């Protein structure tokens, strides 16, 4: 049995022709955060949206905006995303030469800050910034596209990060992004995650409330092999 996880539906999987309605719908369905993937076509092979869309959606929900910057360099755009209404801003260690300074900048803007680890990015890359982060996100797919299959080899990384977080005594969220479904979520929670990003698993479901409830119950569900 594990604590009920936060659920952060990924807007990338929503119906882009009616985004405001989709945001209100997942909030009413029980979502805790809204996950916003920012992609530049350079750091990852896709382009999504920018701070303008975040600003437009901010008036439609009270959910915290969980903003994942898949852009490089990230630092020149931190202020724009903060001003647009982001609550948590997460960056990749590879997205600029000075991760520590980027995190300091996010904090100075009054926002919570996170670091994102790609499947090939080692846990050691964030050992020296744990005092600054509010969130660590583990990518369980290679970033850039939705609907990919969960990479099971990332589970030991999640467990290692849980041990690191617990050793700090700090309240750092451990978020999983990529291929999260009712089948893979229990594995994530057993490994130590407490926050799940779900795109297709929520927005691709006919009943958002049922999909979110299923993910929230994942900590009480046996892992499937």
C-alpha atoms as a PDB file:
ATOM      1  CA  UNK A   1       0.000   0.000   0.000  1.00  0.00           C
ATOM      2  CA  UNK A   2       1.353   3.403  -0.975  1.00  0.00           C
ATOM      3  CA  UNK A   3       0.043   6.961  -0.536  1.00  0.00           C
ATOM      4  CA  UNK A   4      -2.404   8.238  -3.129  1.00  0.00           C
ATOM      5  CA  UNK A   5      -0.340   9.845  -5.913  1.00  0.00           C
ATOM      6  CA  UNK A   6      -0.856  13.269  -7.414  1.00  0.00           C
ATOM      7  CA  UNK A   7      -2.116  13.066 -10.998  1.00  0.00           C
ATOM      8  CA  UNK A   8      -0.888  15.631 -13.519  1.00  0.00           C
ATOM      9  CA  UNK A   9      -2.662  15.125 -16.877  1.00  0.00           C
ATOM     10  CA  UNK A  10      -0.505  16.116 -19.833  1.00  0.00           C
ATOM     11  CA  UNK A  11      -2.169  18.735 -22.002  1.00  0.00           C
ATOM     12  CA  UNK A  12      -0.236  17.438 -25.002  1.00  0.00           C
ATOM     13  CA  UNK A  13      -2.786  14.601 -25.279  1.00  0.00           C
ATOM     14  CA  UNK A  14      -5.848  16.876 -25.057  1.00  0.00           C
ATOM     15  CA  UNK A  15      -8.104  18.013 -27.888  1.00  0.00           C
ATOM     16  CA  UNK A  16      -6.327  21.177 -29.063  1.00  0.00           C
ATOM     17  CA  UNK A  17      -9.500  22.510 -30.664  1.00  0.00           C
ATOM     18  CA  UNK A  18     -11.050  23.015 -27.194  1.00  0.00           C
ATOM     19  CA  UNK A  19      -8.214  23.306 -24.702  1.00  0.00           C
ATOM     20  CA  UNK A  20      -9.961  25.510 -22.136  1.00  0.00           C
ATOM     21  CA  UNK A  21     -12.829  23.036 -21.947  1.00  0.00           C
ATOM     22  CA  UNK A  22     -10.403  20.130 -21.612  1.00  0.00           C
ATOM     23  CA  UNK A  23      -8.554  21.854 -18.753  1.00  0.00           C
ATOM     24  CA  UNK A  24     -11.766  22.521 -16.857  1.00  0.00           C
ATOM     25  CA  UNK A  25     -12.881  18.932 -17.460  1.00  0.00           C
ATOM     26  CA  UNK A  26      -9.776  17.284 -15.971  1.00  0.00           C
ATOM     27  CA  UNK A  27      -9.869  19.644 -12.996  1.00  0.00           C
ATOM     28  CA  UNK A  28     -13.492  18.664 -12.333  1.00  0.00           C
ATOM     29  CA  UNK A  29     -12.478  15.018 -12.779  1.00  0.00           C
ATOM     30  CA  UNK A  30     -10.002  15.195  -9.894  1.00  0.00           C
ATOM     31  CA  UNK A  31      -6.645  16.112 -11.421  1.00  0.00           C
ATOM     32  CA  UNK A  32      -4.165  17.655  -8.982  1.00  0.00           C
ATOM     33  CA  UNK A  33      -1.848  19.488 -11.389  1.00  0.00           C
ATOM     34  CA  UNK A  34      -1.839  20.245 -15.124  1.00  0.00           C
ATOM     35  CA  UNK A  35       1.283  19.122 -16.975  1.00  0.00           C
ATOM     36  CA  UNK A  36       2.424  21.355 -19.826  1.00  0.00           C
ATOM     37  CA  UNK A  37       5.125  20.069 -22.169  1.00  0.00           C
ATOM     38  CA  UNK A  38       7.071  22.843 -23.893  1.00  0.00           C
ATOM     39  CA  UNK A  39       8.983  21.529 -26.929  1.00  0.00           C
ATOM     40  CA  UNK A  40      11.146  23.525 -29.301  1.00  0.00           C
ATOM     41  CA  UNK A  41      11.884  21.157 -32.206  1.00  0.00           C
ATOM     42  CA  UNK A  42      15.563  21.393 -31.257  1.00  0.00           C
ATOM     43  CA  UNK A  43      16.071  19.827 -27.833  1.00  0.00           C
ATOM     44  CA  UNK A  44      13.380  17.294 -28.766  1.00  0.00           C
ATOM     45  CA  UNK A  45      12.050  16.428 -32.246  1.00  0.00           C
ATOM     46  CA  UNK A  46       8.690  18.140 -31.920  1.00  0.00           C
ATOM     47  CA  UNK A  47       7.149  21.598 -31.351  1.00  0.00           C
ATOM     48  CA  UNK A  48       4.267  22.198 -28.948  1.00  0.00           C
ATOM     49  CA  UNK A  49       3.407  25.647 -27.545  1.00  0.00           C
ATOM     50  CA  UNK A  50       4.835  28.530 -25.561  1.00  0.00           C
ATOM     51  CA  UNK A  51       4.084  30.945 -22.724  1.00  0.00           C
ATOM     52  CA  UNK A  52       1.218  32.579 -24.624  1.00  0.00           C
ATOM     53  CA  UNK A  53      -0.915  29.467 -24.361  1.00  0.00           C
ATOM     54  CA  UNK A  54      -0.111  29.057 -20.673  1.00  0.00           C
ATOM     55  CA  UNK A  55      -1.182  32.645 -20.035  1.00  0.00           C
ATOM     56  CA  UNK A  56      -4.426  32.073 -21.939  1.00  0.00           C
ATOM     57  CA  UNK A  57      -5.258  28.926 -19.960  1.00  0.00           C
ATOM     58  CA  UNK A  58      -4.331  30.349 -16.564  1.00  0.00           C
ATOM     59  CA  UNK A  59      -7.725  32.059 -16.191  1.00  0.00           C
ATOM     60  CA  UNK A  60      -9.589  28.771 -16.712  1.00  0.00           C
ATOM     61  CA  UNK A  61      -8.260  26.754 -13.768  1.00  0.00           C
ATOM     62  CA  UNK A  62      -6.835  26.925 -10.265  1.00  0.00           C
ATOM     63  CA  UNK A  63      -4.733  23.781 -10.768  1.00  0.00           C
ATOM     64  CA  UNK A  64      -0.983  24.276 -10.345  1.00  0.00           C
ATOM     65  CA  UNK A  65       0.717  24.464 -13.739  1.00  0.00           C
ATOM     66  CA  UNK A  66       3.473  21.843 -13.908  1.00  0.00           C
ATOM     67  CA  UNK A  67       5.611  23.184 -16.773  1.00  0.00           C
ATOM     68  CA  UNK A  68       8.210  20.891 -18.345  1.00  0.00           C
ATOM     69  CA  UNK A  69      10.693  22.783 -20.522  1.00  0.00           C
ATOM     70  CA  UNK A  70      12.106  20.593 -23.287  1.00  0.00           C
ATOM     71  CA  UNK A  71      13.938  23.515 -24.818  1.00  0.00           C
ATOM     72  CA  UNK A  72      17.566  24.516 -25.131  1.00  0.00           C
ATOM     73  CA  UNK A  73      18.762  26.898 -23.981  1.00  0.00           C
ATOM     74  CA  UNK A  74      16.086  27.108 -21.292  1.00  0.00           C
ATOM     75  CA  UNK A  75      17.405  29.938 -19.146  1.00  0.00           C
ATOM     76  CA  UNK A  76      16.489  32.876 -21.453  1.00  0.00           C
ATOM     77  CA  UNK A  77      12.811  31.819 -21.303  1.00  0.00           C
ATOM     78  CA  UNK A  78      12.363  31.165 -17.584  1.00  0.00           C
ATOM     79  CA  UNK A  79      10.978  34.598 -16.800  1.00  0.00           C
ATOM     80  CA  UNK A  80       8.449  34.429 -19.635  1.00  0.00           C
ATOM     81  CA  UNK A  81       7.031  31.132 -18.386  1.00  0.00           C
ATOM     82  CA  UNK A  82       6.961  32.369 -14.808  1.00  0.00           C
ATOM     83  CA  UNK A  83       5.060  35.493 -15.828  1.00  0.00           C
ATOM     84  CA  UNK A  84       2.652  33.439 -17.955  1.00  0.00           C
ATOM     85  CA  UNK A  85       1.444  31.559 -14.883  1.00  0.00           C
ATOM     86  CA  UNK A  86       3.680  28.530 -14.370  1.00  0.00           C
ATOM     87  CA  UNK A  87       3.790  27.285 -10.782  1.00  0.00           C
ATOM     88  CA  UNK A  88       6.493  24.642 -11.203  1.00  0.00           C
ATOM     89  CA  UNK A  89       9.171  24.981 -13.874  1.00  0.00           C
ATOM     90  CA  UNK A  90      11.308  21.937 -14.649  1.00  0.00           C
ATOM     91  CA  UNK A  91      14.448  21.897 -16.786  1.00  0.00           C
ATOM     92  CA  UNK A  92      16.833  19.241 -18.072  1.00  0.00           C
ATOM     93  CA  UNK A  93      20.497  19.211 -17.008  1.00  0.00           C
ATOM     94  CA  UNK A  94      21.396  19.068 -20.722  1.00  0.00           C
ATOM     95  CA  UNK A  95      19.357  22.198 -21.575  1.00  0.00           C
ATOM     96  CA  UNK A  96      22.057  24.687 -20.618  1.00  0.00           C
ATOM     97  CA  UNK A  97      25.574  24.954 -19.211  1.00  0.00           C
ATOM     98  CA  UNK A  98      24.576  26.046 -15.695  1.00  0.00           C
ATOM     99  CA  UNK A  99      21.841  23.923 -14.107  1.00  0.00           C
ATOM    100  CA  UNK A 100      22.478  25.401 -10.650  1.00  0.00           C
ATOM    101  CA  UNK A 101      22.029  28.947 -11.945  1.00  0.00           C
ATOM    102  CA  UNK A 102      18.852  28.023 -13.825  1.00  0.00           C
ATOM    103  CA  UNK A 103      17.336  26.622 -10.634  1.00  0.00           C
ATOM    104  CA  UNK A 104      18.371  29.710  -8.697  1.00  0.00           C
ATOM    105  CA  UNK A 105      16.684  31.854 -11.354  1.00  0.00           C
ATOM    106  CA  UNK A 106      13.432  29.895 -11.117  1.00  0.00           C
ATOM    107  CA  UNK A 107      13.431  30.277  -7.337  1.00  0.00           C
ATOM    108  CA  UNK A 108      14.176  34.001  -7.626  1.00  0.00           C
ATOM    109  CA  UNK A 109      11.106  34.293  -9.865  1.00  0.00           C
ATOM    110  CA  UNK A 110       9.030  32.928  -6.989  1.00  0.00           C
ATOM    111  CA  UNK A 111       8.359  29.550  -8.581  1.00  0.00           C
ATOM    112  CA  UNK A 112       9.024  25.959  -7.582  1.00  0.00           C
ATOM    113  CA  UNK A 113      11.733  24.309  -9.620  1.00  0.00           C
ATOM    114  CA  UNK A 114      12.352  20.832 -10.930  1.00  0.00           C
ATOM    115  CA  UNK A 115      14.971  18.808 -12.752  1.00  0.00           C
ATOM    116  CA  UNK A 116      14.126  16.227 -15.420  1.00  0.00           C
ATOM    117  CA  UNK A 117      16.149  13.084 -16.074  1.00  0.00           C
ATOM    118  CA  UNK A 118      15.965  11.515 -19.536  1.00  0.00           C
ATOM    119  CA  UNK A 119      16.282   7.715 -19.727  1.00  0.00           C
ATOM    120  CA  UNK A 120      20.052   7.961 -20.335  1.00  0.00           C
ATOM    121  CA  UNK A 121      20.674  10.768 -17.806  1.00  0.00           C
ATOM    122  CA  UNK A 122      22.287   9.440 -14.620  1.00  0.00           C
ATOM    123  CA  UNK A 123      21.058  10.140 -11.110  1.00  0.00           C
ATOM    124  CA  UNK A 124      24.488  11.615 -10.316  1.00  0.00           C
ATOM    125  CA  UNK A 125      23.730  14.630 -12.531  1.00  0.00           C
ATOM    126  CA  UNK A 126      21.527  16.164  -9.832  1.00  0.00           C
ATOM    127  CA  UNK A 127      23.372  15.197  -6.647  1.00  0.00           C
ATOM    128  CA  UNK A 128      24.768  18.710  -6.241  1.00  0.00           C
ATOM    129  CA  UNK A 129      21.475  20.577  -6.698  1.00  0.00           C
ATOM    130  CA  UNK A 130      19.186  18.609  -4.384  1.00  0.00           C
ATOM    131  CA  UNK A 131      19.099  21.557  -1.982  1.00  0.00           C
ATOM    132  CA  UNK A 132      17.411  23.672  -4.668  1.00  0.00           C
ATOM    133  CA  UNK A 133      14.842  21.355  -6.241  1.00  0.00           C
ATOM    134  CA  UNK A 134      11.184  20.939  -5.331  1.00  0.00           C
ATOM    135  CA  UNK A 135      10.581  18.211  -7.915  1.00  0.00           C
ATOM    136  CA  UNK A 136      12.528  15.517  -9.730  1.00  0.00           C
ATOM    137  CA  UNK A 137      10.946  14.103 -12.861  1.00  0.00           C
ATOM    138  CA  UNK A 138      11.981  10.783 -14.358  1.00  0.00           C
ATOM    139  CA  UNK A 139      11.273  10.366 -18.047  1.00  0.00           C
ATOM    140  CA  UNK A 140      10.164   6.785 -18.626  1.00  0.00           C
ATOM    141  CA  UNK A 141      10.082   7.384 -22.377  1.00  0.00           C
ATOM    142  CA  UNK A 142      12.420   9.397 -24.569  1.00  0.00           C
ATOM    143  CA  UNK A 143      10.980  12.933 -24.595  1.00  0.00           C
ATOM    144  CA  UNK A 144       9.381  14.510 -27.608  1.00  0.00           C
ATOM    145  CA  UNK A 145       6.280  12.451 -28.385  1.00  0.00           C
ATOM    146  CA  UNK A 146       3.217  11.227 -26.530  1.00  0.00           C
ATOM    147  CA  UNK A 147       1.865   7.682 -26.576  1.00  0.00           C
ATOM    148  CA  UNK A 148       5.203   5.874 -26.186  1.00  0.00           C
ATOM    149  CA  UNK A 149       5.731   2.654 -24.246  1.00  0.00           C
ATOM    150  CA  UNK A 150       7.020   2.739 -20.669  1.00  0.00           C
ATOM    151  CA  UNK A 151      10.742   1.923 -20.276  1.00  0.00           C
ATOM    152  CA  UNK A 152      10.842  -0.547 -17.387  1.00  0.00           C
ATOM    153  CA  UNK A 153      14.600  -0.155 -16.920  1.00  0.00           C
ATOM    154  CA  UNK A 154      13.930   3.256 -15.338  1.00  0.00           C
ATOM    155  CA  UNK A 155      12.381   1.689 -12.225  1.00  0.00           C
ATOM    156  CA  UNK A 156      15.740   1.261 -10.415  1.00  0.00           C
ATOM    157  CA  UNK A 157      16.451   4.935 -11.112  1.00  0.00           C
ATOM    158  CA  UNK A 158      13.146   5.900  -9.483  1.00  0.00           C
ATOM    159  CA  UNK A 159      14.054   3.782  -6.443  1.00  0.00           C
ATOM    160  CA  UNK A 160      17.514   5.352  -6.222  1.00  0.00           C
ATOM    161  CA  UNK A 161      16.019   8.836  -6.364  1.00  0.00           C
ATOM    162  CA  UNK A 162      13.527   7.959  -3.634  1.00  0.00           C
ATOM    163  CA  UNK A 163      16.431   6.990  -1.372  1.00  0.00           C
ATOM    164  CA  UNK A 164      18.244  10.236  -2.210  1.00  0.00           C
ATOM    165  CA  UNK A 165      15.163  12.334  -1.513  1.00  0.00           C
ATOM    166  CA  UNK A 166      14.455  10.588   1.780  1.00  0.00           C
ATOM    167  CA  UNK A 167      18.058  11.141   2.869  1.00  0.00           C
ATOM    168  CA  UNK A 168      17.671  14.911   2.413  1.00  0.00           C
ATOM    169  CA  UNK A 169      14.619  15.120   4.666  1.00  0.00           C
ATOM    170  CA  UNK A 170      13.170  17.629   2.205  1.00  0.00           C
ATOM    171  CA  UNK A 171       9.715  17.546   0.621  1.00  0.00           C
ATOM    172  CA  UNK A 172      10.729  16.877  -2.986  1.00  0.00           C
ATOM    173  CA  UNK A 173       8.118  15.487  -5.369  1.00  0.00           C
ATOM    174  CA  UNK A 174       9.186  12.462  -7.429  1.00  0.00           C
ATOM    175  CA  UNK A 175       7.285  12.614 -10.705  1.00  0.00           C
ATOM    176  CA  UNK A 176       7.098  10.066 -13.518  1.00  0.00           C
ATOM    177  CA  UNK A 177       6.400  11.077 -17.116  1.00  0.00           C
ATOM    178  CA  UNK A 178       5.950   8.704 -20.036  1.00  0.00           C
ATOM    179  CA  UNK A 179       3.865   5.638 -20.707  1.00  0.00           C
ATOM    180  CA  UNK A 180       2.016   5.918 -17.401  1.00  0.00           C
ATOM    181  CA  UNK A 181      -1.080   3.694 -17.434  1.00  0.00           C
ATOM    182  CA  UNK A 182      -3.108   1.683 -14.947  1.00  0.00           C
ATOM    183  CA  UNK A 183      -0.655  -1.185 -15.607  1.00  0.00           C
ATOM    184  CA  UNK A 184       2.618   0.758 -15.208  1.00  0.00           C
ATOM    185  CA  UNK A 185       1.571   3.163 -12.435  1.00  0.00           C
ATOM    186  CA  UNK A 186       1.774   0.552  -9.639  1.00  0.00           C
ATOM    187  CA  UNK A 187       5.400  -0.181 -10.598  1.00  0.00           C
ATOM    188  CA  UNK A 188       6.215   3.531 -10.337  1.00  0.00           C
ATOM    189  CA  UNK A 189       4.617   3.861  -6.922  1.00  0.00           C
ATOM    190  CA  UNK A 190       6.295   0.735  -5.551  1.00  0.00           C
ATOM    191  CA  UNK A 191       9.633   2.195  -6.687  1.00  0.00           C
ATOM    192  CA  UNK A 192       8.905   5.404  -4.770  1.00  0.00           C
ATOM    193  CA  UNK A 193       7.134   7.870  -7.069  1.00  0.00           C
ATOM    194  CA  UNK A 194       4.420  10.142  -5.684  1.00  0.00           C
ATOM    195  CA  UNK A 195       3.328  12.084  -8.776  1.00  0.00           C
ATOM    196  CA  UNK A 196       2.216  10.667 -12.134  1.00  0.00           C
ATOM    197  CA  UNK A 197       2.006  12.474 -15.458  1.00  0.00           C
ATOM    198  CA  UNK A 198      -0.633  10.880 -17.655  1.00  0.00           C
ATOM    199  CA  UNK A 199      -1.483  11.995 -21.171  1.00  0.00           C
ATOM    200  CA  UNK A 200      -3.218   9.363 -23.256  1.00  0.00           C
ATOM    201  CA  UNK A 201      -4.283   7.459 -20.118  1.00  0.00           C
ATOM    202  CA  UNK A 202      -6.474  10.428 -19.132  1.00  0.00           C
ATOM    203  CA  UNK A 203      -7.283  12.461 -22.236  1.00  0.00           C
ATOM    204  CA  UNK A 204      -7.630   9.299 -24.329  1.00  0.00           C
ATOM    205  CA  UNK A 205     -10.195   7.855 -21.931  1.00  0.00           C
ATOM    206  CA  UNK A 206     -13.917   8.292 -22.387  1.00  0.00           C
ATOM    207  CA  UNK A 207     -14.384   9.091 -18.702  1.00  0.00           C
ATOM    208  CA  UNK A 208     -11.707  11.408 -17.283  1.00  0.00           C
ATOM    209  CA  UNK A 209     -12.876  10.993 -13.683  1.00  0.00           C
ATOM    210  CA  UNK A 210     -12.723   7.204 -13.906  1.00  0.00           C
ATOM    211  CA  UNK A 211      -9.264   7.296 -15.512  1.00  0.00           C
ATOM    212  CA  UNK A 212      -7.886   9.623 -12.840  1.00  0.00           C
ATOM    213  CA  UNK A 213      -9.484   7.605 -10.048  1.00  0.00           C
ATOM    214  CA  UNK A 214      -7.908   4.428 -11.428  1.00  0.00           C
ATOM    215  CA  UNK A 215      -4.459   6.041 -11.384  1.00  0.00           C
ATOM    216  CA  UNK A 216      -5.000   7.352  -7.868  1.00  0.00           C
ATOM    217  CA  UNK A 217      -5.830   3.805  -6.758  1.00  0.00           C
ATOM    218  CA  UNK A 218      -2.650   2.446  -8.349  1.00  0.00           C
ATOM    219  CA  UNK A 219      -0.856   2.354  -5.005  1.00  0.00           C
ATOM    220  CA  UNK A 220      -3.369  -0.249  -3.855  1.00  0.00           C
ATOM    221  CA  UNK A 221      -3.091  -2.316  -7.045  1.00  0.00           C
ATOM    222  CA  UNK A 222      -0.678  -5.264  -7.397  1.00  0.00           C
ATOM    223  CA  UNK A 223       2.019  -4.799 -10.041  1.00  0.00           C
ATOM    224  CA  UNK A 224       1.432  -6.650 -13.280  1.00  0.00           C
ATOM    225  CA  UNK A 225       4.374  -8.386 -14.901  1.00  0.00           C
END
